[in-house]
Amino acid sequence: MGTFVKAHILPQALTRPGIRGHPYIQAGEASRPIRRWSSWYDPYLVTEDGEAILRRYDGWGIRELRKHKLVWSAWGPMVSLATRDYKQNTNQIGTRVVLGLDNPKLRLFFLSLLWRAAATALNEFSSVKLSRRKLGLLRRMLVAGEVGESTDFPITLVQFSTQGTWHNHTPLIGRKKVGDRDVPFFRFYFDGLVAHIHPDEDDYGDMTVGKSDRLGVLTMPYENSFQDENLRIGITETNMIWTREIMGLANNQ
């Protein structure tokens, strides 16, 4: 049996503060705010061999996301999305049809995030729950490097077309209407990109990571998005409950 090593639940490269050397302030759900300098990690999740697998998937996924400017950290001087494959509609909701993605590697990256979030005992990820059978299936897929069918744990992406506030956020469980069905999904956010990872078998066509050699990505402005509203509500509630503590953290006390 190998020795357990530290493993990040969300990739550190995609969860760094927007200003180098500045920490995030972690808060939410009435918990006392603390400084956090990087993403969450679990020292008892994987052995050295397992961490090497996760690190490989992180490398693959981050390279693909940056190569196709799917995350803010790859935008350079852009403050709003301006790729050739981007089409904006009159209501500011737009689409991208991204070509040339290494879909198997990107799918394995997102599946590894789902497994980490569901397998860890960290309280911050308690909303991500899978059955023992599904958790075991995911683990076997990741160890073997098997992507499976795109309809198993299907993944769809939403990209913010404007830059907003840089922040970390743990995954949330949500539900959405697909036709006449009420569908559950886990919402993973990082660096201006939201991944909807669905625990149940489903088919979202070319919007599904790994379905084909073209990937449809929904886009929307960050302003007034769910992420923007959720962050503002969280900041307001934290400031009201923990005013003195927030002031102390802001002043490096």
Protein backbone atom coordinates (compact mmCIF):
# COMPACT_ATOMS: atom_id res chain seq x y z
CA MET A 1 0.00 0.00 0.00
CA GLY A 2 1.47 3.35 -1.06
CA THR A 3 1.92 6.44 1.06
CA PHE A 4 -0.80 9.06 0.86
CA VAL A 5 0.23 12.40 -0.65
CA LYS A 6 -1.39 15.81 -1.02
CA ALA A 7 -3.73 16.11 -4.02
CA HIS A 8 -5.53 19.25 -5.14
CA ILE A 9 -9.26 18.78 -5.64
CA LEU A 10 -9.39 21.66 -8.12
CA PRO A 11 -6.25 22.38 -10.19
CA GLN A 12 -4.04 24.96 -8.55
CA ALA A 13 -3.13 26.48 -11.94
CA LEU A 14 -6.77 27.44 -12.55
CA THR A 15 -7.56 28.63 -9.03
CA ARG A 16 -4.85 31.21 -8.39
CA PRO A 17 -5.73 34.77 -7.30
CA GLY A 18 -5.94 37.32 -10.09
CA ILE A 19 -3.20 39.37 -8.42
CA ARG A 20 -0.03 37.38 -7.77
CA GLY A 21 0.87 37.20 -4.10
CA HIS A 22 -2.62 38.13 -2.91
CA PRO A 23 -4.76 35.53 -1.10
CA TYR A 24 -8.41 34.68 -1.51
CA ILE A 25 -10.66 35.08 1.50
CA GLN A 26 -12.60 31.86 1.98
CA ALA A 27 -16.08 32.25 3.42
CA GLY A 28 -19.64 31.11 2.89
CA GLU A 29 -22.49 29.32 4.64
CA ALA A 30 -21.92 31.48 7.75
CA SER A 31 -18.43 30.01 8.29
CA ARG A 32 -15.66 32.16 9.74
CA PRO A 33 -13.63 33.75 6.89
CA ILE A 34 -10.01 32.65 6.48
CA ARG A 35 -7.18 33.39 4.06
CA ARG A 36 -6.53 30.80 1.36
CA TRP A 37 -3.53 31.02 -0.93
CA SER A 38 -4.41 28.24 -3.35
CA SER A 39 -6.99 25.62 -4.21
CA TRP A 40 -8.30 23.03 -1.76
CA TYR A 41 -6.26 19.87 -1.29
CA ASP A 42 -6.74 16.54 0.48
CA PRO A 43 -3.69 14.82 2.04
CA TYR A 44 -5.51 11.46 2.34
CA LEU A 45 -7.17 11.04 -1.05
CA VAL A 46 -4.54 9.32 -3.21
CA THR A 47 -1.16 7.62 -3.10
CA GLU A 48 1.86 8.80 -5.10
CA ASP A 49 0.75 6.71 -8.09
CA GLY A 50 -2.74 8.15 -7.93
CA GLU A 51 -1.46 11.70 -7.63
CA ALA A 52 0.70 11.15 -10.72
CA ILE A 53 -2.42 10.13 -12.68
CA LEU A 54 -4.34 13.20 -11.52
CA ARG A 55 -1.38 15.47 -12.27
CA ARG A 56 -1.22 14.07 -15.81
CA TYR A 57 -4.93 14.72 -16.35
CA ASP A 58 -4.58 18.25 -14.98
CA GLY A 59 -1.72 18.93 -17.40
CA TRP A 60 -3.75 17.66 -20.34
CA GLY A 61 -6.91 19.54 -19.43
CA ILE A 62 -5.27 22.86 -18.60
CA ARG A 63 -3.29 22.85 -21.85
CA GLU A 64 -6.45 22.24 -23.89
CA LEU A 65 -8.46 24.92 -22.07
CA ARG A 66 -5.71 27.51 -22.50
CA LYS A 67 -4.95 26.57 -26.09
CA HIS A 68 -8.55 27.32 -27.08
CA LYS A 69 -8.93 30.37 -24.80
CA LEU A 70 -11.65 28.73 -22.76
CA VAL A 71 -10.29 30.27 -19.52
CA TRP A 72 -9.53 33.88 -18.61
CA SER A 73 -5.87 33.18 -17.84
CA ALA A 74 -5.30 32.46 -21.55
CA TRP A 75 -6.91 35.66 -22.83
CA GLY A 76 -3.87 37.89 -22.70
CA PRO A 77 -4.93 41.52 -23.24
CA MET A 78 -8.55 40.57 -24.10
CA VAL A 79 -11.20 41.74 -21.66
CA SER A 80 -14.04 40.23 -23.70
CA LEU A 81 -14.10 37.13 -25.86
CA ALA A 82 -12.96 37.74 -29.44
CA THR A 83 -12.16 34.35 -30.96
CA ARG A 84 -13.08 33.56 -34.56
CA ASP A 85 -15.45 30.79 -33.51
CA TYR A 86 -17.45 33.05 -31.18
CA LYS A 87 -20.92 34.27 -32.23
CA GLN A 88 -22.91 36.60 -30.01
CA ASN A 89 -26.69 36.85 -30.22
CA THR A 90 -28.68 40.01 -29.63
CA ASN A 91 -29.52 38.98 -26.04
CA GLN A 92 -25.77 38.65 -25.25
CA ILE A 93 -26.01 34.88 -25.01
CA GLY A 94 -23.63 33.43 -27.56
CA THR A 95 -22.02 30.22 -28.75
CA ARG A 96 -18.66 28.86 -29.75
CA VAL A 97 -18.05 25.80 -31.91
CA VAL A 98 -14.55 24.79 -30.85
CA LEU A 99 -12.59 22.60 -33.26
CA GLY A 100 -9.35 20.73 -32.69
CA LEU A 101 -9.90 19.85 -29.03
CA ASP A 102 -8.33 16.68 -27.68
CA ASN A 103 -11.70 15.53 -26.41
CA PRO A 104 -10.62 12.25 -24.73
CA LYS A 105 -8.00 14.06 -22.65
CA LEU A 106 -10.37 16.91 -21.79
CA ARG A 107 -13.09 14.45 -20.78
CA LEU A 108 -10.69 12.53 -18.51
CA PHE A 109 -9.67 15.82 -16.90
CA PHE A 110 -13.27 16.72 -16.01
CA LEU A 111 -14.07 13.17 -14.88
CA SER A 112 -11.08 13.34 -12.55
CA LEU A 113 -12.49 16.54 -11.00
CA LEU A 114 -15.81 14.82 -10.40
CA TRP A 115 -14.13 11.82 -8.76
CA ARG A 116 -11.95 14.02 -6.52
CA ALA A 117 -14.89 16.15 -5.38
CA ALA A 118 -17.09 13.12 -4.66
CA ALA A 119 -14.34 11.04 -3.02
CA THR A 120 -12.81 13.64 -0.70
CA ALA A 121 -13.90 14.02 2.90
CA LEU A 122 -13.36 17.80 2.82
CA ASN A 123 -16.48 19.58 4.03
CA GLU A 124 -16.26 22.20 1.27
CA PHE A 125 -17.13 19.49 -1.30
CA SER A 126 -19.93 17.82 0.65
CA SER A 127 -22.55 18.80 -1.94
CA VAL A 128 -20.96 16.48 -4.53
CA LYS A 129 -22.26 13.00 -3.79
CA LEU A 130 -22.20 9.86 -5.94
CA SER A 131 -23.27 6.32 -5.21
CA ARG A 132 -20.54 3.83 -4.30
CA ARG A 133 -21.09 2.11 -7.65
CA LYS A 134 -20.63 5.31 -9.68
CA LEU A 135 -17.63 6.37 -7.61
CA GLY A 136 -16.02 2.97 -8.20
CA LEU A 137 -16.77 3.14 -11.92
CA LEU A 138 -15.15 6.59 -12.17
CA ARG A 139 -12.08 5.40 -10.29
CA ARG A 140 -11.60 2.42 -12.61
CA MET A 141 -11.99 4.65 -15.68
CA LEU A 142 -9.38 7.09 -14.43
CA VAL A 143 -6.86 4.42 -13.44
CA ALA A 144 -7.22 2.73 -16.85
CA GLY A 145 -7.44 5.99 -18.81
CA GLU A 146 -10.77 4.94 -20.32
CA VAL A 147 -13.09 7.76 -21.37
CA GLY A 148 -16.19 5.54 -21.69
CA GLU A 149 -19.22 6.79 -23.56
CA SER A 150 -19.79 10.54 -23.69
CA THR A 151 -23.34 9.90 -22.47
CA ASP A 152 -21.95 8.49 -19.17
CA PHE A 153 -21.33 11.41 -16.81
CA PRO A 154 -21.90 13.85 -19.71
CA ILE A 155 -20.09 17.19 -19.50
CA THR A 156 -21.19 20.52 -21.02
CA LEU A 157 -19.42 23.88 -20.80
CA VAL A 158 -20.48 27.49 -20.27
CA GLN A 159 -17.86 30.20 -20.83
CA PHE A 160 -18.07 33.79 -19.62
CA SER A 161 -17.57 36.14 -22.56
CA THR A 162 -16.43 39.02 -20.36
CA GLN A 163 -13.89 39.07 -17.55
CA GLY A 164 -15.25 39.35 -14.05
CA THR A 165 -14.08 38.95 -10.47
CA TRP A 166 -11.36 36.33 -10.01
CA HIS A 167 -12.34 33.95 -7.23
CA ASN A 168 -12.42 30.31 -6.12
CA HIS A 169 -15.65 28.44 -5.72
CA THR A 170 -16.35 24.88 -4.67
CA PRO A 171 -18.78 22.82 -6.81
CA LEU A 172 -22.51 23.20 -6.32
CA ILE A 173 -25.36 20.86 -7.11
CA GLY A 174 -28.04 22.28 -9.38
CA ARG A 175 -31.02 21.30 -11.49
CA LYS A 176 -32.12 22.47 -14.92
CA LYS A 177 -34.92 21.88 -17.37
CA VAL A 178 -34.06 19.77 -20.42
CA GLY A 179 -37.26 19.52 -22.42
CA ASP A 180 -39.86 18.33 -19.94
CA ARG A 181 -37.26 16.75 -17.62
CA ASP A 182 -35.73 18.14 -14.44
CA VAL A 183 -32.04 17.20 -14.68
CA PRO A 184 -29.48 17.27 -11.82
CA PHE A 185 -25.90 18.37 -12.43
CA PHE A 186 -22.78 19.43 -10.55
CA ARG A 187 -21.54 22.92 -11.33
CA PHE A 188 -17.73 23.27 -11.35
CA TYR A 189 -16.39 26.81 -11.71
CA PHE A 190 -12.85 28.04 -12.37
CA ASP A 191 -11.15 30.86 -14.25
CA GLY A 192 -14.18 32.10 -16.17
CA LEU A 193 -15.41 28.65 -17.20
CA VAL A 194 -18.29 26.59 -15.81
CA ALA A 195 -18.48 22.84 -16.36
CA HIS A 196 -21.82 21.12 -15.89
CA ILE A 197 -21.03 17.50 -15.03
CA HIS A 198 -24.11 15.30 -14.97
CA PRO A 199 -24.22 12.24 -12.70
CA ASP A 200 -26.84 10.47 -14.82
CA GLU A 201 -26.62 9.09 -18.34
CA ASP A 202 -27.78 11.60 -20.96
CA ASP A 203 -27.02 12.95 -24.42
CA TYR A 204 -26.54 16.66 -25.18
CA GLY A 205 -25.30 16.20 -28.75
CA ASP A 206 -22.37 18.35 -29.84
CA MET A 207 -22.59 20.31 -26.59
CA THR A 208 -21.15 17.22 -24.85
CA VAL A 209 -17.40 17.01 -24.28
CA GLY A 210 -16.16 13.99 -26.23
CA LYS A 211 -19.28 13.49 -28.36
CA SER A 212 -17.57 14.51 -31.61
CA ASP A 213 -14.58 16.45 -32.96
CA ARG A 214 -16.50 19.72 -32.52
CA LEU A 215 -17.66 21.09 -29.20
CA GLY A 216 -20.47 23.58 -28.78
CA VAL A 217 -19.91 25.94 -25.85
CA LEU A 218 -22.58 28.30 -24.51
CA THR A 219 -21.30 31.80 -23.70
CA MET A 220 -22.68 34.64 -21.60
CA PRO A 221 -21.40 37.84 -19.96
CA TYR A 222 -20.11 37.47 -16.43
CA GLU A 223 -22.10 40.50 -15.30
CA ASN A 224 -25.43 39.48 -13.69
CA SER A 225 -24.69 35.79 -14.22
CA PHE A 226 -25.47 33.21 -11.53
CA GLN A 227 -21.80 33.24 -10.60
CA ASP A 228 -21.74 37.03 -10.26
CA GLU A 229 -24.93 37.11 -8.19
CA ASN A 230 -23.84 34.21 -6.01
CA LEU A 231 -20.50 35.85 -5.27
CA ARG A 232 -22.08 39.20 -4.41
CA ILE A 233 -24.61 37.58 -2.07
CA GLY A 234 -21.85 35.60 -0.38
CA ILE A 235 -19.69 38.69 0.11
CA THR A 236 -22.61 40.68 1.51
CA GLU A 237 -23.61 37.96 3.98
CA THR A 238 -20.01 37.41 5.11
CA ASN A 239 -19.42 41.14 5.64
CA MET A 240 -22.59 41.40 7.73
CA ILE A 241 -21.80 38.40 9.95
CA TRP A 242 -18.00 38.68 10.19
CA THR A 243 -17.33 42.42 9.83
CA ARG A 244 -14.43 42.60 12.29
CA GLU A 245 -12.78 39.42 10.95
CA ILE A 246 -12.99 40.62 7.34
CA MET A 247 -11.43 43.96 8.26
CA GLY A 248 -8.62 42.13 10.05
CA LEU A 249 -7.91 39.88 7.07
CA ALA A 250 -7.98 42.85 4.70
CA ASN A 251 -5.44 44.64 6.87
CA ASN A 252 -3.22 41.51 7.14
CA GLN A 253 -3.84 41.32 10.88
